[in-house]
Amino acid sequence: MIRPRSKIAFISVISLIPRMHFIRFAVLLFAAVLAAGQKAAGGDIVARLLPDGDPHRLVDPGPAERSSAIKELQSAQKAARGSRAVQVAFLLAANDSNYDKNRDYLIANLRGCTNPGIKSGCDGKIADYLSVLYTRGHKDVLKPLMLTGKDSFSPVVAESLGGFFANLVTDGTAEFFDTMRRFSPATQKQLCDLAGTSTGDGMSAAQLQQVRKELKARGDDLSLTCLEAIEAANRP
């Protein structure tokens, strides 16, 4: 019986490989196949950590996965463009990986919203990415969110910022008023107007009542002036 040439050639190659080298080769091949299978099962790192692209549903990788997740994100960042590049920068910043660089990238994207034609940057969720960083303890993003965000030509971004500022005012967040105190009266009024419109339809009755209570309790000139602007924004 004549064996097919391909099979004979394969057997000949195998016979040339020393036994120990062959075993090592087989182990390495198995490990590579297993790793590829695990990666495929895990899916895209951005999709895993950012379900539906929603920063408010951000998934924190566990201690065992964090290092490998950051490496995957850093690798993905090299080829990322557009909204994916914004997502990757947010995820890296949220995991404190090269935080300053990735935060600055997000702020630069927000700055794109201040151009009338919105020719570059201005991802639709950019305000949400930065506000989530704020809630995770990165208070340094608040000032650029306030100063740059108030001039946004994007209705989506403006509504997101309005809702975020409205919540800060409702909660009587000290950082909001302390930061706003450094700005001009015109900028302060603009920010309070934005907070008053909330997500575009104004504050709910319950939220407006809470704001009145909070700002009257603070009682300083800035708080009372801000209350006037918020109430004006909520008049029929």
Protein backbone atom coordinates (compact mmCIF):
# COMPACT_ATOMS: atom_id res chain seq x y z
CA MET A 1 0.00 0.00 0.00
CA ILE A 2 1.38 3.39 -1.03
CA ARG A 3 1.04 6.24 1.48
CA PRO A 4 0.07 9.69 0.17
CA ARG A 5 3.10 11.95 -0.32
CA SER A 6 1.78 14.64 2.05
CA LYS A 7 1.41 12.13 4.85
CA ILE A 8 4.87 10.69 4.24
CA ALA A 9 6.38 14.19 4.25
CA PHE A 10 4.63 15.05 7.52
CA ILE A 11 5.87 11.88 9.18
CA SER A 12 9.37 12.56 7.92
CA VAL A 13 9.34 16.08 9.43
CA ILE A 14 8.03 14.81 12.73
CA SER A 15 10.75 12.14 12.86
CA LEU A 16 13.39 14.87 12.56
CA ILE A 17 12.20 16.70 15.67
CA PRO A 18 13.84 15.48 18.88
CA ARG A 19 11.33 14.08 21.34
CA MET A 20 11.82 16.82 24.01
CA HIS A 21 11.59 19.59 21.44
CA PHE A 22 8.43 18.07 20.04
CA ILE A 23 6.84 17.93 23.49
CA ARG A 24 7.79 21.54 24.14
CA PHE A 25 6.37 22.56 20.76
CA ALA A 26 3.11 20.76 21.50
CA VAL A 27 2.79 22.45 24.91
CA LEU A 28 3.40 25.91 23.44
CA LEU A 29 0.91 25.26 20.64
CA PHE A 30 -1.72 24.13 23.14
CA ALA A 31 -1.12 27.23 25.31
CA ALA A 32 -1.48 29.52 22.29
CA VAL A 33 -4.74 27.86 21.24
CA LEU A 34 -6.06 28.04 24.81
CA ALA A 35 -5.16 31.75 25.13
CA ALA A 36 -6.83 32.52 21.82
CA GLY A 37 -9.94 30.68 22.95
CA GLN A 38 -10.03 32.57 26.26
CA LYS A 39 -9.64 35.91 24.47
CA ALA A 40 -12.44 35.04 22.08
CA ALA A 41 -14.66 33.97 24.97
CA GLY A 42 -13.89 37.17 26.85
CA GLY A 43 -14.77 39.34 23.88
CA ASP A 44 -13.68 42.89 23.16
CA ILE A 45 -12.20 44.62 26.21
CA VAL A 46 -14.10 47.85 25.57
CA ALA A 47 -17.41 46.03 25.24
CA ARG A 48 -16.72 44.10 28.45
CA LEU A 49 -15.89 47.15 30.56
CA LEU A 50 -18.33 49.56 28.91
CA PRO A 51 -21.63 47.70 28.32
CA ASP A 52 -23.68 49.36 25.55
CA GLY A 53 -21.09 52.15 25.52
CA ASP A 54 -22.68 53.61 28.67
CA PRO A 55 -20.09 55.16 31.05
CA HIS A 56 -22.64 55.05 33.88
CA ARG A 57 -22.53 51.23 33.63
CA LEU A 58 -18.73 51.11 33.82
CA VAL A 59 -17.47 47.70 34.95
CA ASP A 60 -14.45 47.68 37.24
CA PRO A 61 -12.12 44.76 36.44
CA GLY A 62 -11.28 42.72 39.49
CA PRO A 63 -7.77 42.79 41.00
CA ALA A 64 -6.82 39.66 39.09
CA GLU A 65 -7.95 41.06 35.72
CA ARG A 66 -6.96 44.71 36.12
CA SER A 67 -3.37 44.40 34.89
CA SER A 68 -4.30 42.37 31.81
CA ALA A 69 -7.28 44.66 31.10
CA ILE A 70 -5.03 47.73 31.10
CA LYS A 71 -2.59 46.00 28.74
CA GLU A 72 -5.45 45.15 26.38
CA LEU A 73 -6.69 48.74 26.50
CA GLN A 74 -3.21 50.13 25.86
CA SER A 75 -2.89 47.82 22.88
CA ALA A 76 -6.33 48.81 21.59
CA GLN A 77 -5.49 52.51 21.98
CA LYS A 78 -2.78 52.30 19.30
CA ALA A 79 -5.30 51.66 16.53
CA ALA A 80 -8.39 53.30 18.05
CA ARG A 81 -10.05 56.16 16.18
CA GLY A 82 -13.17 58.27 16.64
CA SER A 83 -15.58 57.27 19.39
CA ARG A 84 -13.60 54.12 20.19
CA ALA A 85 -10.51 56.23 20.92
CA VAL A 86 -12.61 58.29 23.35
CA GLN A 87 -13.94 55.14 25.02
CA VAL A 88 -10.46 53.67 25.44
CA ALA A 89 -9.07 56.93 26.85
CA PHE A 90 -11.95 57.04 29.34
CA LEU A 91 -11.44 53.43 30.44
CA LEU A 92 -7.71 53.97 30.92
CA ALA A 93 -8.29 57.19 32.87
CA ALA A 94 -10.95 55.48 35.00
CA ASN A 95 -8.40 52.79 35.83
CA ASP A 96 -5.71 55.41 36.61
CA SER A 97 -3.51 54.33 33.71
CA ASN A 98 -1.56 57.31 32.32
CA TYR A 99 -4.35 59.38 33.83
CA ASP A 100 -3.15 62.90 32.92
CA LYS A 101 -2.66 62.06 29.24
CA ASN A 102 -6.03 60.32 28.87
CA ARG A 103 -7.89 62.99 30.86
CA ASP A 104 -6.39 65.69 28.65
CA TYR A 105 -7.47 63.76 25.56
CA LEU A 106 -11.05 63.73 26.85
CA ILE A 107 -10.97 67.44 27.69
CA ALA A 108 -9.62 68.21 24.20
CA ASN A 109 -12.54 66.24 22.78
CA LEU A 110 -14.96 68.32 24.88
CA ARG A 111 -13.28 71.47 23.60
CA GLY A 112 -14.33 70.44 20.10
CA CYS A 113 -17.94 71.12 21.12
CA THR A 114 -17.21 74.84 21.44
CA ASN A 115 -16.72 75.30 17.69
CA PRO A 116 -19.94 76.31 15.90
CA GLY A 117 -19.43 73.74 13.15
CA ILE A 118 -18.22 71.02 15.56
CA LYS A 119 -15.59 70.00 13.02
CA SER A 120 -13.63 67.70 15.31
CA GLY A 121 -14.02 65.96 18.61
CA CYS A 122 -17.23 66.46 20.59
CA ASP A 123 -18.20 62.86 21.14
CA GLY A 124 -21.88 62.66 22.10
CA LYS A 125 -21.02 61.08 25.46
CA ILE A 126 -17.98 63.17 26.30
CA ALA A 127 -19.71 65.02 29.15
CA ASP A 128 -20.78 61.70 30.64
CA TYR A 129 -17.25 60.29 30.48
CA LEU A 130 -15.84 63.30 32.32
CA SER A 131 -18.67 63.49 34.87
CA VAL A 132 -18.19 59.80 35.70
CA LEU A 133 -14.49 60.48 36.30
CA TYR A 134 -15.58 63.24 38.68
CA THR A 135 -17.86 60.91 40.63
CA ARG A 136 -14.96 58.44 40.89
CA GLY A 137 -12.91 61.03 42.76
CA HIS A 138 -11.18 62.95 39.97
CA LYS A 139 -12.29 66.42 41.06
CA ASP A 140 -9.81 68.04 38.67
CA VAL A 141 -12.19 67.55 35.72
CA LEU A 142 -14.87 69.79 37.21
CA LYS A 143 -13.33 73.13 36.23
CA PRO A 144 -12.88 72.26 32.52
CA LEU A 145 -16.33 70.68 32.50
CA MET A 146 -17.78 73.97 33.74
CA LEU A 147 -15.68 76.43 31.74
CA THR A 148 -15.57 74.51 28.45
CA GLY A 149 -18.86 72.67 28.68
CA LYS A 150 -20.96 75.79 29.16
CA ASP A 151 -20.03 76.91 25.63
CA SER A 152 -21.03 73.67 23.94
CA PHE A 153 -22.84 73.91 20.60
CA SER A 154 -23.91 70.28 20.93
CA PRO A 155 -27.45 70.00 22.38
CA VAL A 156 -26.73 66.44 23.53
CA VAL A 157 -23.62 67.48 25.45
CA ALA A 158 -25.36 70.57 26.87
CA GLU A 159 -28.26 68.45 28.17
CA SER A 160 -25.90 65.97 29.75
CA LEU A 161 -23.96 68.77 31.45
CA GLY A 162 -27.16 70.46 32.57
CA GLY A 163 -28.31 67.29 34.27
CA PHE A 164 -24.92 66.80 35.91
CA PHE A 165 -24.76 70.39 37.21
CA ALA A 166 -28.36 70.18 38.40
CA ASN A 167 -27.50 67.15 40.51
CA LEU A 168 -24.45 68.89 41.99
CA VAL A 169 -26.56 71.91 42.94
CA THR A 170 -29.32 69.73 44.36
CA ASP A 171 -26.82 67.85 46.50
CA GLY A 172 -25.25 71.14 47.65
CA THR A 173 -21.87 69.90 46.42
CA ALA A 174 -19.24 72.25 47.86
CA GLU A 175 -16.82 71.73 44.96
CA PHE A 176 -19.37 73.11 42.50
CA PHE A 177 -19.79 76.40 44.35
CA ASP A 178 -16.13 76.68 45.34
CA THR A 179 -15.09 76.26 41.71
CA MET A 180 -17.78 78.59 40.38
CA ARG A 181 -16.75 81.29 42.85
CA ARG A 182 -13.54 81.82 40.84
CA PHE A 183 -15.45 82.73 37.69
CA SER A 184 -16.94 86.01 36.52
CA PRO A 185 -20.56 86.84 37.46
CA ALA A 186 -21.58 86.32 33.82
CA THR A 187 -20.06 82.82 33.79
CA GLN A 188 -21.65 82.01 37.15
CA LYS A 189 -25.07 82.98 35.82
CA GLN A 190 -24.54 80.92 32.67
CA LEU A 191 -23.68 77.85 34.73
CA CYS A 192 -26.67 78.31 37.02
CA ASP A 193 -28.93 78.73 33.99
CA LEU A 194 -27.56 75.47 32.60
CA ALA A 195 -28.15 73.71 35.92
CA GLY A 196 -31.68 75.11 35.98
CA THR A 197 -32.56 73.69 32.58
CA SER A 198 -31.23 70.31 33.76
CA THR A 199 -31.53 67.83 30.88
CA GLY A 200 -33.44 70.32 28.74
CA ASP A 201 -36.93 70.29 30.26
CA GLY A 202 -36.07 71.98 33.55
CA MET A 203 -35.97 70.52 37.02
CA SER A 204 -38.73 68.41 38.47
CA ALA A 205 -40.89 70.02 41.15
CA ALA A 206 -39.27 67.87 43.82
CA GLN A 207 -35.75 68.71 42.64
CA LEU A 208 -36.52 72.43 42.46
CA GLN A 209 -37.90 72.33 45.99
CA GLN A 210 -34.73 70.60 47.20
CA VAL A 211 -32.57 73.20 45.43
CA ARG A 212 -34.47 76.06 47.09
CA LYS A 213 -33.94 74.42 50.47
CA GLU A 214 -30.25 73.76 49.85
CA LEU A 215 -29.32 77.17 48.44
CA LYS A 216 -31.31 79.17 50.99
CA ALA A 217 -29.59 77.19 53.75
CA ARG A 218 -26.20 78.14 52.26
CA GLY A 219 -27.38 81.74 52.27
CA ASP A 220 -24.33 83.39 50.66
CA ASP A 221 -24.65 85.81 47.74
CA LEU A 222 -23.48 83.30 45.14
CA SER A 223 -25.97 80.65 46.25
CA LEU A 224 -28.89 83.09 46.32
CA THR A 225 -27.96 84.58 42.93
CA CYS A 226 -27.70 81.07 41.53
CA LEU A 227 -31.13 80.25 42.96
CA GLU A 228 -32.62 83.26 41.14
CA ALA A 229 -31.18 82.04 37.84
CA ILE A 230 -32.42 78.49 38.42
CA GLU A 231 -35.93 79.65 39.30
CA ALA A 232 -35.98 81.91 36.21
CA ALA A 233 -34.99 78.94 34.05
CA ASN A 234 -37.90 76.93 35.47
CA ARG A 235 -40.66 79.50 35.00
CA PRO A 236 -43.37 78.47 32.50
